[in-house]
Amino acid sequence: MVRSLAERLRAHEQQKARLAEQEAKLKGAERKARTRRLIEAGGLIDKAALLELEPNALYGALLSLRDGAGDKDQISKWTALGGRAFAHEARLRDAGKEAVVLSFPAALAKDITATLRQAGFRFSKVMQHWEGLARFDEAERLATAHGGTARRVAATVSASQPQSVAAAAAE
């Protein structure tokens, strides 16, 4: 079947339009990824308590970091320091928290579900309950305030754990 010149031109224009659309999607995704990275960097600067520096001082500090960014040993040290700091913050944040399940007799209003999410809970569609890490007394107050119940999730010990860990978990 022989296609006319007009049909071939139309097909070519459609292909160009599809490629332009794909390119626009890729640029949008790249822009979003860059924006996310910039927001993360700003958050890290704030977390390191450097946000209060004057702009020139902050820029100078970042330039001095750039000089060490080519040194793999320095990057390893920075990575270890950052990892320890994040782990320490996580331990402090989760101190006293345990796995808790909240159950409610009926579906909850959106404002209540927003409160549960803000408290660190997520809804399990499979189990039809809310679960998360929380201080039990706070979770219980939250559940009873909305007609639900809270229960602790017992820590399970797997067969692959050493006996000393299993004994500590049993205590």
Protein backbone atom coordinates (compact mmCIF):
# COMPACT_ATOMS: atom_id res chain seq x y z
CA MET A 1 0.00 0.00 0.00
CA VAL A 2 1.46 3.31 -1.10
CA ARG A 3 0.97 6.20 1.27
CA SER A 4 0.57 9.66 -0.07
CA LEU A 5 2.98 12.43 0.81
CA ALA A 6 0.32 14.12 2.96
CA GLU A 7 -0.21 10.93 4.99
CA ARG A 8 3.53 10.51 5.53
CA LEU A 9 3.85 14.16 6.60
CA ARG A 10 0.94 13.78 9.02
CA ALA A 11 2.50 10.61 10.52
CA HIS A 12 5.84 12.40 10.83
CA GLU A 13 4.20 15.36 12.59
CA GLN A 14 2.41 13.00 14.99
CA GLN A 15 5.69 11.27 15.79
CA LYS A 16 7.37 14.65 16.39
CA ALA A 17 4.52 15.62 18.73
CA ARG A 18 4.86 12.35 20.69
CA LEU A 19 8.61 12.87 21.04
CA ALA A 20 8.08 16.47 22.17
CA GLU A 21 5.56 15.27 24.77
CA GLN A 22 7.99 12.61 26.05
CA GLU A 23 10.77 15.20 26.22
CA ALA A 24 8.53 17.56 28.20
CA LYS A 25 7.69 14.76 30.65
CA LEU A 26 11.39 13.97 31.13
CA LYS A 27 12.24 17.63 31.70
CA GLY A 28 9.40 17.90 34.21
CA ALA A 29 10.62 14.82 36.07
CA GLU A 30 14.20 16.18 36.11
CA ARG A 31 12.94 19.54 37.38
CA LYS A 32 10.97 17.85 40.17
CA ALA A 33 13.96 15.70 41.16
CA ARG A 34 16.22 18.77 41.26
CA THR A 35 13.67 20.72 43.31
CA ARG A 36 13.39 17.83 45.76
CA ARG A 37 17.18 17.65 46.06
CA LEU A 38 17.40 21.42 46.71
CA ILE A 39 14.73 21.18 49.41
CA GLU A 40 16.59 18.26 51.01
CA ALA A 41 19.85 20.25 50.94
CA GLY A 42 18.14 23.21 52.59
CA GLY A 43 16.71 20.91 55.24
CA LEU A 44 20.16 19.48 55.93
CA ILE A 45 21.64 22.97 56.25
CA ASP A 46 18.88 23.79 58.73
CA LYS A 47 19.39 20.48 60.57
CA ALA A 48 23.11 21.24 60.92
CA ALA A 49 22.15 24.62 62.49
CA LEU A 50 23.91 26.55 59.71
CA LEU A 51 20.85 28.42 58.48
CA GLU A 52 21.57 31.33 60.82
CA LEU A 53 24.90 32.07 59.12
CA GLU A 54 25.14 35.12 56.91
CA PRO A 55 24.78 34.16 53.22
CA ASN A 56 28.46 34.93 52.47
CA ALA A 57 29.61 32.83 55.43
CA LEU A 58 27.34 29.94 54.48
CA TYR A 59 28.50 30.07 50.87
CA GLY A 60 32.13 30.16 52.00
CA ALA A 61 31.56 27.15 54.24
CA LEU A 62 30.00 25.24 51.38
CA LEU A 63 32.88 26.18 49.10
CA SER A 64 35.33 24.79 51.67
CA LEU A 65 33.33 21.56 51.67
CA ARG A 66 33.55 21.42 47.90
CA ASP A 67 37.35 21.38 48.15
CA GLY A 68 37.17 18.16 50.21
CA ALA A 69 34.48 16.54 48.07
CA GLY A 70 37.07 15.00 45.73
CA ASP A 71 38.78 13.12 48.56
CA LYS A 72 37.23 9.66 49.00
CA ASP A 73 38.57 9.35 52.56
CA GLN A 74 36.97 12.67 53.52
CA ILE A 75 33.66 11.62 51.96
CA SER A 76 33.81 8.34 53.91
CA LYS A 77 34.35 10.28 57.14
CA TRP A 78 31.47 12.62 56.35
CA THR A 79 29.24 9.66 55.49
CA ALA A 80 30.04 7.90 58.76
CA LEU A 81 29.49 11.07 60.80
CA GLY A 82 26.16 11.77 59.10
CA GLY A 83 25.02 8.17 59.49
CA ARG A 84 25.82 8.18 63.20
CA ALA A 85 24.01 11.51 63.68
CA PHE A 86 20.89 10.27 61.86
CA ALA A 87 20.92 6.99 63.82
CA HIS A 88 21.29 8.87 67.12
CA GLU A 89 18.37 11.17 66.25
CA ALA A 90 16.23 8.15 65.29
CA ARG A 91 17.03 6.42 68.60
CA LEU A 92 16.09 9.57 70.54
CA ARG A 93 12.91 10.04 68.51
CA ASP A 94 11.80 6.42 68.97
CA ALA A 95 12.85 6.02 72.61
CA GLY A 96 9.95 4.59 74.60
CA LYS A 97 7.93 3.79 71.49
CA GLU A 98 6.62 0.35 70.67
CA ALA A 99 4.59 -1.29 67.94
CA VAL A 100 0.91 -0.50 68.51
CA VAL A 101 -2.24 -1.46 66.62
CA LEU A 102 -5.38 0.69 66.77
CA SER A 103 -8.76 -0.79 65.89
CA PHE A 104 -12.01 1.08 65.34
CA PRO A 105 -15.52 -0.36 64.91
CA ALA A 106 -16.32 1.82 61.89
CA ALA A 107 -14.66 3.97 59.26
CA LEU A 108 -13.22 7.23 60.56
CA ALA A 109 -13.70 10.78 59.37
CA LYS A 110 -10.90 12.40 57.36
CA ASP A 111 -9.89 14.75 60.17
CA ILE A 112 -9.42 11.78 62.52
CA THR A 113 -7.41 9.82 59.94
CA ALA A 114 -5.22 12.90 59.43
CA THR A 115 -4.62 13.00 63.20
CA LEU A 116 -3.67 9.32 63.19
CA ARG A 117 -1.27 9.81 60.30
CA GLN A 118 0.29 12.80 62.03
CA ALA A 119 0.79 10.63 65.12
CA GLY A 120 2.78 8.18 62.98
CA PHE A 121 0.15 5.56 62.20
CA ARG A 122 -0.71 4.11 58.82
CA PHE A 123 -3.79 2.18 57.77
CA SER A 124 -3.35 -1.47 56.78
CA LYS A 125 -5.92 -2.29 54.12
CA VAL A 126 -5.27 -5.99 54.53
CA MET A 127 -5.63 -6.10 58.32
CA GLN A 128 -8.18 -3.25 58.45
CA HIS A 129 -6.46 -1.52 61.36
CA TRP A 130 -4.05 1.33 62.07
CA GLU A 131 -0.47 0.45 62.98
CA GLY A 132 2.66 2.32 63.95
CA LEU A 133 5.34 3.07 66.52
CA ALA A 134 4.08 5.13 69.44
CA ARG A 135 4.11 5.46 73.18
CA PHE A 136 1.35 3.10 74.26
CA ASP A 137 -0.40 5.45 76.70
CA GLU A 138 -0.61 8.21 74.05
CA ALA A 139 -1.88 5.75 71.42
CA GLU A 140 -4.47 4.37 73.83
CA ARG A 141 -5.76 7.89 74.61
CA LEU A 142 -5.99 8.63 70.90
CA ALA A 143 -7.87 5.40 70.19
CA THR A 144 -10.36 5.73 73.07
CA ALA A 145 -11.04 9.37 72.17
CA HIS A 146 -12.43 8.13 68.86
CA GLY A 147 -14.16 4.95 70.06
CA GLY A 148 -11.37 2.51 69.31
CA THR A 149 -8.98 0.26 71.13
CA ALA A 150 -5.20 0.03 71.25
CA ARG A 151 -3.10 -3.08 71.71
CA ARG A 152 0.59 -3.75 71.91
CA VAL A 153 2.23 -5.93 69.29
CA ALA A 154 4.36 -8.49 71.08
CA ALA A 155 7.94 -8.71 69.85
CA THR A 156 8.51 -12.03 68.14
CA VAL A 157 11.79 -13.90 68.29
CA SER A 158 12.89 -15.67 65.13
CA ALA A 159 14.81 -18.93 65.05
CA SER A 160 17.77 -17.18 63.42
CA GLN A 161 18.38 -14.92 66.44
CA PRO A 162 21.13 -15.92 68.87
CA GLN A 163 20.01 -17.45 72.14
CA SER A 164 21.12 -14.38 74.15
CA VAL A 165 18.88 -12.15 72.02
CA ALA A 166 15.98 -14.60 72.41
CA ALA A 167 16.45 -14.65 76.18
CA ALA A 168 16.56 -10.84 76.34
CA ALA A 169 13.37 -10.61 74.27
CA ALA A 170 11.60 -13.05 76.58
CA GLU A 171 12.34 -10.91 79.66
